[in-house]
Amino acid sequence: MLDRELLASLVCPESHQSLDVADDALLRKLNAAAAAGKIKNRAGRTVQESIHAGLVRADRAYIYPVIDDIPVLLVDEAIPLAELAE
């Protein structure tokens, strides 16, 4: 995953809140919703790929995927975590 020093310097591109590594339970829940076609990113695209790692915004409103050890810190790629509660 990401180096702790690098992680400490990363922030949400929208709110500038800190980010933390998503835990396994959250990733399982997110991937189950994605497999069922029930989750969309902020751009409105259905998330179809499994997410093996992610960075969660401090307020736990969004998760940013990490693909091939590269954080995708684009506002449109953020996945609203409120969708998991539906």
C-alpha atoms as a PDB file:
ATOM      1  CA  MET A   1       0.000   0.000   0.000  1.00  0.00           C
ATOM      2  CA  LEU A   2       1.088   3.579   0.446  1.00  0.00           C
ATOM      3  CA  ASP A   3       4.039   4.814   2.423  1.00  0.00           C
ATOM      4  CA  ARG A   4       2.865   6.444   5.692  1.00  0.00           C
ATOM      5  CA  GLU A   5       4.909   9.573   4.963  1.00  0.00           C
ATOM      6  CA  LEU A   6       3.269   9.946   1.557  1.00  0.00           C
ATOM      7  CA  LEU A   7      -0.163   9.259   3.027  1.00  0.00           C
ATOM      8  CA  ALA A   8       0.347  12.014   5.590  1.00  0.00           C
ATOM      9  CA  SER A   9       0.849  14.542   2.783  1.00  0.00           C
ATOM     10  CA  LEU A  10      -2.237  13.516   0.769  1.00  0.00           C
ATOM     11  CA  VAL A  11      -5.551  15.329   1.209  1.00  0.00           C
ATOM     12  CA  CYS A  12      -8.945  15.313  -0.436  1.00  0.00           C
ATOM     13  CA  PRO A  13      -8.713  17.502  -3.560  1.00  0.00           C
ATOM     14  CA  GLU A  14     -12.128  19.005  -2.820  1.00  0.00           C
ATOM     15  CA  SER A  15     -12.243  19.657   0.925  1.00  0.00           C
ATOM     16  CA  HIS A  16      -8.545  19.319   1.821  1.00  0.00           C
ATOM     17  CA  GLN A  17      -9.476  16.930   4.627  1.00  0.00           C
ATOM     18  CA  SER A  18      -7.004  14.248   5.556  1.00  0.00           C
ATOM     19  CA  LEU A  19      -7.260  10.761   4.071  1.00  0.00           C
ATOM     20  CA  ASP A  20      -6.783   7.398   5.712  1.00  0.00           C
ATOM     21  CA  VAL A  21      -6.461   3.866   4.388  1.00  0.00           C
ATOM     22  CA  ALA A  22      -9.784   2.045   3.993  1.00  0.00           C
ATOM     23  CA  ASP A  23     -10.148  -1.021   6.176  1.00  0.00           C
ATOM     24  CA  ASP A  24     -10.923  -4.487   4.816  1.00  0.00           C
ATOM     25  CA  ALA A  25     -14.535  -4.435   6.039  1.00  0.00           C
ATOM     26  CA  LEU A  26     -15.292  -1.251   4.122  1.00  0.00           C
ATOM     27  CA  LEU A  27     -13.615  -2.604   0.976  1.00  0.00           C
ATOM     28  CA  ARG A  28     -15.652  -5.830   1.186  1.00  0.00           C
ATOM     29  CA  LYS A  29     -18.886  -3.868   1.521  1.00  0.00           C
ATOM     30  CA  LEU A  30     -17.913  -1.554  -1.330  1.00  0.00           C
ATOM     31  CA  ASN A  31     -16.963  -4.442  -3.612  1.00  0.00           C
ATOM     32  CA  ALA A  32     -20.194  -6.302  -2.848  1.00  0.00           C
ATOM     33  CA  ALA A  33     -22.188  -3.207  -3.850  1.00  0.00           C
ATOM     34  CA  ALA A  34     -20.042  -2.775  -6.988  1.00  0.00           C
ATOM     35  CA  ALA A  35     -20.559  -6.418  -7.975  1.00  0.00           C
ATOM     36  CA  ALA A  36     -24.313  -5.880  -7.660  1.00  0.00           C
ATOM     37  CA  GLY A  37     -24.088  -2.748  -9.838  1.00  0.00           C
ATOM     38  CA  LYS A  38     -25.328  -0.578  -6.974  1.00  0.00           C
ATOM     39  CA  ILE A  39     -22.504   1.919  -6.605  1.00  0.00           C
ATOM     40  CA  LYS A  40     -21.585   4.961  -8.703  1.00  0.00           C
ATOM     41  CA  ASN A  41     -18.756   7.443  -8.469  1.00  0.00           C
ATOM     42  CA  ARG A  42     -19.359  11.185  -8.311  1.00  0.00           C
ATOM     43  CA  ALA A  43     -19.291  11.431 -12.106  1.00  0.00           C
ATOM     44  CA  GLY A  44     -22.288   9.077 -12.166  1.00  0.00           C
ATOM     45  CA  ARG A  45     -20.395   6.122 -13.656  1.00  0.00           C
ATOM     46  CA  THR A  46     -21.191   2.705 -12.229  1.00  0.00           C
ATOM     47  CA  VAL A  47     -18.196   1.226 -10.438  1.00  0.00           C
ATOM     48  CA  GLN A  48     -17.589  -2.187 -11.974  1.00  0.00           C
ATOM     49  CA  GLU A  49     -13.998  -3.010 -11.003  1.00  0.00           C
ATOM     50  CA  SER A  50     -13.089  -4.431  -7.617  1.00  0.00           C
ATOM     51  CA  ILE A  51     -11.318  -1.947  -5.419  1.00  0.00           C
ATOM     52  CA  HIS A  52      -8.406  -3.529  -3.584  1.00  0.00           C
ATOM     53  CA  ALA A  53      -7.350  -0.373  -1.748  1.00  0.00           C
ATOM     54  CA  GLY A  54      -8.769   3.058  -1.103  1.00  0.00           C
ATOM     55  CA  LEU A  55      -8.354   6.277   0.819  1.00  0.00           C
ATOM     56  CA  VAL A  56     -11.263   7.460   2.941  1.00  0.00           C
ATOM     57  CA  ARG A  57     -11.856  11.150   3.562  1.00  0.00           C
ATOM     58  CA  ALA A  58     -11.776  12.170   7.253  1.00  0.00           C
ATOM     59  CA  ASP A  59     -15.534  12.808   7.364  1.00  0.00           C
ATOM     60  CA  ARG A  60     -16.093   9.318   5.856  1.00  0.00           C
ATOM     61  CA  ALA A  61     -18.232  10.787   3.063  1.00  0.00           C
ATOM     62  CA  TYR A  62     -16.060   9.549   0.166  1.00  0.00           C
ATOM     63  CA  ILE A  63     -13.477   6.960  -0.730  1.00  0.00           C
ATOM     64  CA  TYR A  64     -10.864   7.486  -3.414  1.00  0.00           C
ATOM     65  CA  PRO A  65      -9.709   4.303  -5.151  1.00  0.00           C
ATOM     66  CA  VAL A  66      -6.059   3.299  -5.198  1.00  0.00           C
ATOM     67  CA  ILE A  67      -5.206   1.539  -8.455  1.00  0.00           C
ATOM     68  CA  ASP A  68      -1.841  -0.183  -8.908  1.00  0.00           C
ATOM     69  CA  ASP A  69      -0.618   1.585  -5.743  1.00  0.00           C
ATOM     70  CA  ILE A  70      -1.528   4.995  -7.231  1.00  0.00           C
ATOM     71  CA  PRO A  71      -4.187   7.048  -5.422  1.00  0.00           C
ATOM     72  CA  VAL A  72      -6.765   8.383  -7.879  1.00  0.00           C
ATOM     73  CA  LEU A  73      -7.436  11.735  -6.231  1.00  0.00           C
ATOM     74  CA  LEU A  74      -9.910  13.116  -8.736  1.00  0.00           C
ATOM     75  CA  VAL A  75     -13.203  14.484  -7.404  1.00  0.00           C
ATOM     76  CA  ASP A  76     -15.206  12.690 -10.129  1.00  0.00           C
ATOM     77  CA  GLU A  77     -13.625   9.326  -9.206  1.00  0.00           C
ATOM     78  CA  ALA A  78     -14.569   9.595  -5.528  1.00  0.00           C
ATOM     79  CA  ILE A  79     -17.213   7.116  -4.444  1.00  0.00           C
ATOM     80  CA  PRO A  80     -19.857   8.407  -2.041  1.00  0.00           C
ATOM     81  CA  LEU A  81     -19.986   6.134   0.976  1.00  0.00           C
ATOM     82  CA  ALA A  82     -23.601   7.135   1.673  1.00  0.00           C
ATOM     83  CA  GLU A  83     -24.529   4.885  -1.250  1.00  0.00           C
ATOM     84  CA  LEU A  84     -23.419   1.884   0.801  1.00  0.00           C
ATOM     85  CA  ALA A  85     -26.077   2.615   3.395  1.00  0.00           C
ATOM     86  CA  GLU A  86     -28.903   2.393   0.835  1.00  0.00           C
END
